[in-house]
Amino acid sequence: MASSKPQIQICEVGPRDGLQSEERIWSVDERVGLIDRLSATGVPRLEAVSFVNPKRVPQMADAEEVMAKIKRPAGVSFAGLALNVRGAERAIAAGVDEVRYVVVASETFNQRNQGASIAETLAGFAEISDKVSAAGLKLSATIGAAFGCPFEGKVAATKVANIAGQLAAGGCAEIGMADTIGAGVPTQVTEIYSLVHDAVGAEVGLGFHLHNTRNTGFANAAIAAGEGVLFLDSSVGGLGGCPFAPKATGNIATEDLAFMLRNMGIETGIDIDAYIDVAIWVEGFFDTPLPGQLMKAGLFPETASS
């Protein structure tokens, strides 16, 4: 019998967003090892690779080789990030389940991130939509800097909703609103969700991609859960950042998010103990502790003294 509890899909973005800003470049086999460990935890979705120019983001090179080597357990969907037609073609050929596209809600940041205007990036989305659809794959998009831009400051929620409406009209199945620099607060989550939902309708799945740069990421995630989002992005151990955004630090930690949602009565399907083990394994590759807290404090009430 299906559970009557509310459910939220967690999309693990550590192998892509978590590693793209790290100075140390992980080998193909290390990235495969990370993805395989994560896919064994019950997490339903993984943003595994990025099909971007390796000269711009060398940490994401050899995406095809990574995809060819990873295990593909039943029930786990693997996404690849693409920023243009060439990236989408590579993602399709590599066998991803989902192609994720990005549009940034600020002209300056979009130019730095993708070397194009917002209008040009939206036109690029239209170019890949038919290709992805013909391949039988899910096409989703992330609206970057939806809560604020490090170069232009505030971003109007109406602008985010306008971009979302154009993406939905172009065939986007899901849209995530990203707090790329971790500047957002809970009231913004409510406003953005409401306006975007009105702009795209009930047929398009909505979610958030949250960073904890200013310690508001989990408060924002809790509010998003209350709004009834389909998915939330997060990263093992709290890894993450953006190479084109100053001071953009880690995503919210997946195991911390899964704990919070579980204790709120929301199911994710994740084995949290297994996730903690993966976070500890990942931390071994770094000289300083990861930002995740559950790996330090443990689950509750399981850790309460008898």
Protein backbone atom coordinates (compact mmCIF):
# COMPACT_ATOMS: atom_id res chain seq x y z
CA MET A 1 0.00 0.00 0.00
CA ALA A 2 1.36 3.45 -0.94
CA SER A 3 2.29 5.74 1.91
CA SER A 4 -0.13 8.54 2.76
CA LYS A 5 2.73 10.76 3.93
CA PRO A 6 3.73 13.70 1.73
CA GLN A 7 6.77 13.04 -0.45
CA ILE A 8 9.52 15.19 -1.93
CA GLN A 9 12.10 14.01 -4.43
CA ILE A 10 15.65 14.94 -3.52
CA CYS A 11 17.97 15.48 -6.46
CA GLU A 12 21.61 14.98 -5.48
CA VAL A 13 23.81 17.51 -7.29
CA GLY A 14 27.13 16.82 -5.56
CA PRO A 15 28.84 15.09 -8.51
CA ARG A 16 28.17 18.17 -10.65
CA ASP A 17 27.53 21.32 -8.62
CA GLY A 18 29.47 19.97 -5.67
CA LEU A 19 32.70 19.38 -7.57
CA GLN A 20 32.66 22.07 -10.26
CA SER A 21 34.23 24.75 -8.05
CA GLU A 22 36.74 22.58 -6.21
CA GLU A 23 40.40 23.27 -6.89
CA ARG A 24 41.22 19.58 -6.83
CA ILE A 25 40.00 17.84 -9.98
CA TRP A 26 38.51 14.44 -9.27
CA SER A 27 39.47 11.65 -11.64
CA VAL A 28 36.86 9.82 -13.70
CA ASP A 29 37.08 6.77 -11.43
CA GLU A 30 36.70 8.92 -8.30
CA ARG A 31 33.61 10.59 -9.74
CA VAL A 32 32.21 7.20 -10.73
CA GLY A 33 32.88 5.93 -7.20
CA LEU A 34 31.04 8.92 -5.73
CA ILE A 35 28.03 8.51 -8.03
CA ASP A 36 27.81 4.75 -7.39
CA ARG A 37 27.91 5.26 -3.64
CA LEU A 38 25.18 7.89 -3.85
CA SER A 39 22.92 5.89 -6.16
CA ALA A 40 22.97 3.01 -3.66
CA THR A 41 21.39 5.15 -0.89
CA GLY A 42 17.86 5.30 -2.27
CA VAL A 43 18.18 8.85 -3.61
CA PRO A 44 15.85 8.92 -6.63
CA ARG A 45 17.66 11.51 -8.76
CA LEU A 46 21.27 12.45 -9.42
CA GLU A 47 22.71 15.33 -11.40
CA ALA A 48 25.72 13.28 -12.37
CA VAL A 49 27.64 15.20 -15.04
CA SER A 50 27.87 18.44 -16.97
CA PHE A 51 28.36 18.66 -20.73
CA VAL A 52 30.12 22.01 -20.74
CA ASN A 53 33.35 23.10 -22.36
CA PRO A 54 36.15 21.51 -20.27
CA LYS A 55 38.33 24.56 -20.93
CA ARG A 56 35.85 26.62 -18.91
CA VAL A 57 35.10 24.02 -16.22
CA PRO A 58 37.88 21.39 -16.24
CA GLN A 59 36.36 19.67 -13.20
CA MET A 60 33.52 18.48 -15.44
CA ALA A 61 35.61 17.00 -18.26
CA ASP A 62 35.08 13.45 -19.56
CA ALA A 63 31.34 13.38 -18.86
CA GLU A 64 30.77 10.67 -21.46
CA GLU A 65 33.33 8.38 -19.82
CA VAL A 66 31.74 8.91 -16.40
CA MET A 67 28.29 8.06 -17.74
CA ALA A 68 29.63 4.94 -19.45
CA LYS A 69 31.17 3.62 -16.23
CA ILE A 70 28.54 4.31 -13.57
CA LYS A 71 26.05 1.72 -12.32
CA ARG A 72 22.44 2.36 -13.31
CA PRO A 73 20.28 0.93 -10.52
CA ALA A 74 16.55 0.68 -11.16
CA GLY A 75 14.53 3.62 -9.93
CA VAL A 76 17.38 6.15 -10.09
CA SER A 77 17.30 8.90 -12.72
CA PHE A 78 20.58 10.41 -13.94
CA ALA A 79 20.64 13.99 -15.24
CA GLY A 80 23.25 15.85 -17.24
CA LEU A 81 23.61 19.62 -17.38
CA ALA A 82 23.73 21.23 -20.83
CA LEU A 83 24.06 24.92 -21.65
CA ASN A 84 23.68 24.78 -25.44
CA VAL A 85 22.77 22.57 -28.39
CA ARG A 86 26.17 20.87 -28.47
CA GLY A 87 25.92 20.06 -24.77
CA ALA A 88 22.41 18.66 -25.21
CA GLU A 89 23.54 16.48 -28.12
CA ARG A 90 26.39 15.12 -26.03
CA ALA A 91 24.04 14.45 -23.10
CA ILE A 92 21.60 12.55 -25.30
CA ALA A 93 24.38 10.46 -26.85
CA ALA A 94 25.82 9.68 -23.40
CA GLY A 95 22.53 8.13 -22.26
CA VAL A 96 21.29 10.48 -19.55
CA ASP A 97 17.68 10.17 -18.36
CA GLU A 98 17.21 13.93 -18.04
CA VAL A 99 18.74 16.98 -19.69
CA ARG A 100 18.96 20.01 -17.40
CA TYR A 101 19.29 23.47 -18.95
CA VAL A 102 20.15 26.74 -17.20
CA VAL A 103 18.96 30.29 -17.68
CA VAL A 104 20.17 32.95 -15.25
CA ALA A 105 17.70 35.63 -14.17
CA SER A 106 20.28 38.42 -14.44
CA GLU A 107 21.85 39.64 -17.69
CA THR A 108 25.30 40.17 -16.20
CA PHE A 109 25.45 36.77 -14.53
CA ASN A 110 24.00 35.01 -17.59
CA GLN A 111 26.73 36.56 -19.73
CA ARG A 112 29.43 35.41 -17.28
CA ASN A 113 27.96 31.95 -16.84
CA GLN A 114 27.00 31.23 -20.45
CA GLY A 115 28.48 33.95 -22.61
CA ALA A 116 25.05 34.96 -23.91
CA SER A 117 22.09 37.19 -23.15
CA ILE A 118 18.97 35.84 -21.46
CA ALA A 119 17.09 36.15 -24.77
CA GLU A 120 19.79 34.17 -26.58
CA THR A 121 19.77 31.52 -23.85
CA LEU A 122 15.99 31.15 -24.08
CA ALA A 123 16.33 30.82 -27.85
CA GLY A 124 18.90 28.09 -27.23
CA PHE A 125 16.39 26.28 -25.07
CA ALA A 126 13.92 26.28 -27.94
CA GLU A 127 16.60 24.75 -30.16
CA ILE A 128 17.23 21.79 -27.86
CA SER A 129 13.62 21.13 -26.82
CA ASP A 130 12.68 19.10 -29.88
CA LYS A 131 15.95 17.17 -29.79
CA VAL A 132 15.46 16.12 -26.18
CA SER A 133 11.80 15.30 -26.72
CA ALA A 134 12.60 13.20 -29.81
CA ALA A 135 15.11 11.23 -27.74
CA GLY A 136 12.36 10.43 -25.22
CA LEU A 137 14.15 12.18 -22.36
CA LYS A 138 12.93 14.58 -19.68
CA LEU A 139 13.81 18.22 -20.30
CA SER A 140 14.09 20.40 -17.21
CA ALA A 141 15.56 23.80 -16.48
CA THR A 142 17.05 25.76 -13.62
CA ILE A 143 16.62 29.52 -13.30
CA GLY A 144 19.87 30.69 -11.74
CA ALA A 145 20.23 33.68 -9.40
CA ALA A 146 16.46 33.67 -8.90
CA PHE A 147 16.87 35.16 -5.40
CA GLY A 148 19.59 37.69 -6.17
CA CYS A 149 22.63 38.38 -8.34
CA PRO A 150 26.17 39.04 -7.09
CA PHE A 151 26.62 41.70 -9.79
CA GLU A 152 23.19 43.35 -10.15
CA GLY A 153 21.75 42.87 -6.67
CA LYS A 154 18.03 42.20 -6.29
CA VAL A 155 16.20 40.16 -8.93
CA ALA A 156 12.46 40.72 -9.26
CA ALA A 157 10.34 37.63 -8.70
CA THR A 158 8.21 38.74 -11.65
CA LYS A 159 11.27 38.39 -13.89
CA VAL A 160 11.81 34.84 -12.66
CA ALA A 161 8.15 34.03 -13.35
CA ASN A 162 8.40 35.51 -16.85
CA ILE A 163 11.40 33.32 -17.68
CA ALA A 164 9.63 30.29 -16.20
CA GLY A 165 6.59 30.95 -18.38
CA GLN A 166 8.74 31.00 -21.51
CA LEU A 167 10.49 27.76 -20.49
CA ALA A 168 7.16 26.05 -19.84
CA ALA A 169 5.82 27.21 -23.20
CA GLY A 170 8.94 25.72 -24.79
CA GLY A 171 8.29 22.24 -23.44
CA CYS A 172 10.03 22.24 -20.06
CA ALA A 173 8.70 19.49 -17.78
CA GLU A 174 10.24 20.78 -14.54
CA ILE A 175 11.69 24.08 -13.39
CA GLY A 176 13.96 24.69 -10.43
CA MET A 177 14.54 28.14 -8.96
CA ALA A 178 18.12 28.51 -7.78
CA ASP A 179 19.43 30.62 -4.93
CA THR A 180 22.86 30.47 -6.53
CA ILE A 181 24.58 32.78 -4.04
CA GLY A 182 22.60 31.81 -0.95
CA ALA A 183 21.05 35.24 -0.45
CA GLY A 184 17.38 34.26 -0.28
CA VAL A 185 15.02 34.26 2.70
CA PRO A 186 11.81 32.29 3.31
CA THR A 187 9.43 35.06 2.25
CA GLN A 188 11.10 35.06 -1.16
CA VAL A 189 10.50 31.32 -1.49
CA THR A 190 6.79 31.87 -0.98
CA GLU A 191 6.64 34.79 -3.42
CA ILE A 192 8.68 33.11 -6.15
CA TYR A 193 6.82 29.82 -5.86
CA SER A 194 3.43 31.52 -6.08
CA LEU A 195 4.29 33.67 -9.10
CA VAL A 196 6.04 30.86 -10.97
CA HIS A 197 3.23 28.41 -10.26
CA ASP A 198 0.74 30.90 -11.65
CA ALA A 199 2.93 31.45 -14.73
CA VAL A 200 3.48 27.79 -15.64
CA GLY A 201 0.38 26.00 -14.37
CA ALA A 202 0.01 22.74 -12.51
CA GLU A 203 1.47 20.53 -15.26
CA VAL A 204 5.06 21.73 -14.72
CA GLY A 205 6.89 20.33 -11.69
CA LEU A 206 8.54 22.95 -9.49
CA GLY A 207 11.46 22.80 -7.09
CA PHE A 208 14.31 24.78 -5.59
CA HIS A 209 18.09 24.63 -5.70
CA LEU A 210 19.28 26.18 -2.45
CA HIS A 211 22.66 27.22 -1.12
CA ASN A 212 23.43 27.83 2.54
CA THR A 213 25.92 30.68 2.08
CA ARG A 214 24.18 32.92 4.61
CA ASN A 215 22.66 30.16 6.76
CA THR A 216 19.17 30.53 5.28
CA GLY A 217 19.22 27.47 3.02
CA PHE A 218 17.43 25.08 5.36
CA ALA A 219 14.84 27.64 6.43
CA ASN A 220 14.13 28.16 2.73
CA ALA A 221 13.91 24.40 2.17
CA ALA A 222 11.41 24.01 5.02
CA ILE A 223 9.19 26.72 3.56
CA ALA A 224 9.50 25.16 0.08
CA ALA A 225 8.41 21.81 1.51
CA GLY A 226 5.35 23.48 2.99
CA GLU A 227 4.51 24.96 -0.41
CA GLY A 228 4.33 21.45 -1.84
CA VAL A 229 7.32 21.43 -4.18
CA LEU A 230 8.03 18.34 -6.28
CA PHE A 231 11.79 18.33 -5.69
CA LEU A 232 14.69 19.94 -3.87
CA ASP A 233 18.32 19.93 -5.01
CA SER A 234 21.05 19.29 -2.45
CA SER A 235 24.62 18.07 -2.26
CA VAL A 236 26.29 15.39 -0.18
CA GLY A 237 28.11 16.91 2.79
CA GLY A 238 27.13 20.42 1.66
CA LEU A 239 29.61 20.55 -1.21
CA GLY A 240 29.07 23.12 -3.88
CA GLY A 241 29.42 26.56 -5.35
CA CYS A 242 29.58 28.34 -8.68
CA PRO A 243 32.88 29.14 -10.42
CA PHE A 244 31.36 32.29 -11.93
CA ALA A 245 29.79 33.73 -8.75
CA PRO A 246 31.99 35.36 -6.08
CA LYS A 247 31.68 33.87 -2.59
CA ALA A 248 29.09 31.28 -3.66
CA THR A 249 29.56 28.49 -1.14
CA GLY A 250 27.99 25.10 -0.64
CA ASN A 251 24.56 23.70 -1.35
CA ILE A 252 22.38 22.52 1.51
CA ALA A 253 23.66 19.09 2.60
CA THR A 254 21.57 16.19 1.34
CA GLU A 255 21.75 14.11 4.50
CA ASP A 256 20.82 17.15 6.63
CA LEU A 257 17.89 17.90 4.31
CA ALA A 258 16.69 14.28 4.37
CA PHE A 259 16.81 14.32 8.19
CA MET A 260 14.83 17.53 8.42
CA LEU A 261 12.18 16.33 5.97
CA ARG A 262 11.91 12.94 7.71
CA ASN A 263 11.34 14.55 11.08
CA MET A 264 8.76 16.84 9.47
CA GLY A 265 6.86 13.74 8.34
CA ILE A 266 7.89 13.98 4.68
CA GLU A 267 9.24 10.92 2.89
CA THR A 268 12.29 10.99 0.61
CA GLY A 269 13.09 7.30 0.27
CA ILE A 270 16.69 7.92 1.32
CA ASP A 271 18.70 5.72 3.69
CA ILE A 272 20.09 8.55 5.81
CA ASP A 273 22.65 6.39 7.64
CA ALA A 274 24.04 5.31 4.28
CA TYR A 275 24.18 8.93 3.19
CA ILE A 276 26.15 9.88 6.28
CA ASP A 277 28.66 7.17 5.38
CA VAL A 278 29.04 8.62 1.88
CA ALA A 279 29.50 12.13 3.29
CA ILE A 280 32.26 10.88 5.60
CA TRP A 281 33.92 9.12 2.64
CA VAL A 282 33.76 12.33 0.57
CA GLU A 283 35.21 14.39 3.42
CA GLY A 284 38.33 12.22 3.24
CA PHE A 285 39.23 13.91 -0.05
CA PHE A 286 39.41 17.36 1.58
CA ASP A 287 41.80 19.05 4.00
CA THR A 288 39.00 20.73 5.97
CA PRO A 289 35.66 19.42 7.30
CA LEU A 290 32.62 19.57 5.04
CA PRO A 291 29.79 21.92 6.09
CA GLY A 292 27.23 19.14 6.65
CA GLN A 293 26.12 18.83 10.29
CA LEU A 294 24.35 15.47 10.50
CA MET A 295 27.60 13.62 9.81
CA LYS A 296 28.96 15.26 12.99
CA ALA A 297 25.91 15.12 15.27
CA GLY A 298 24.11 11.98 14.09
CA LEU A 299 20.42 11.24 13.69
CA PHE A 300 17.83 12.15 16.32
CA PRO A 301 16.09 10.60 18.23
CA GLU A 302 18.29 7.60 17.38
CA THR A 303 21.25 9.12 19.21
CA ALA A 304 19.33 9.95 22.40
CA SER A 305 20.71 8.24 25.48
CA SER A 306 18.63 5.33 26.74
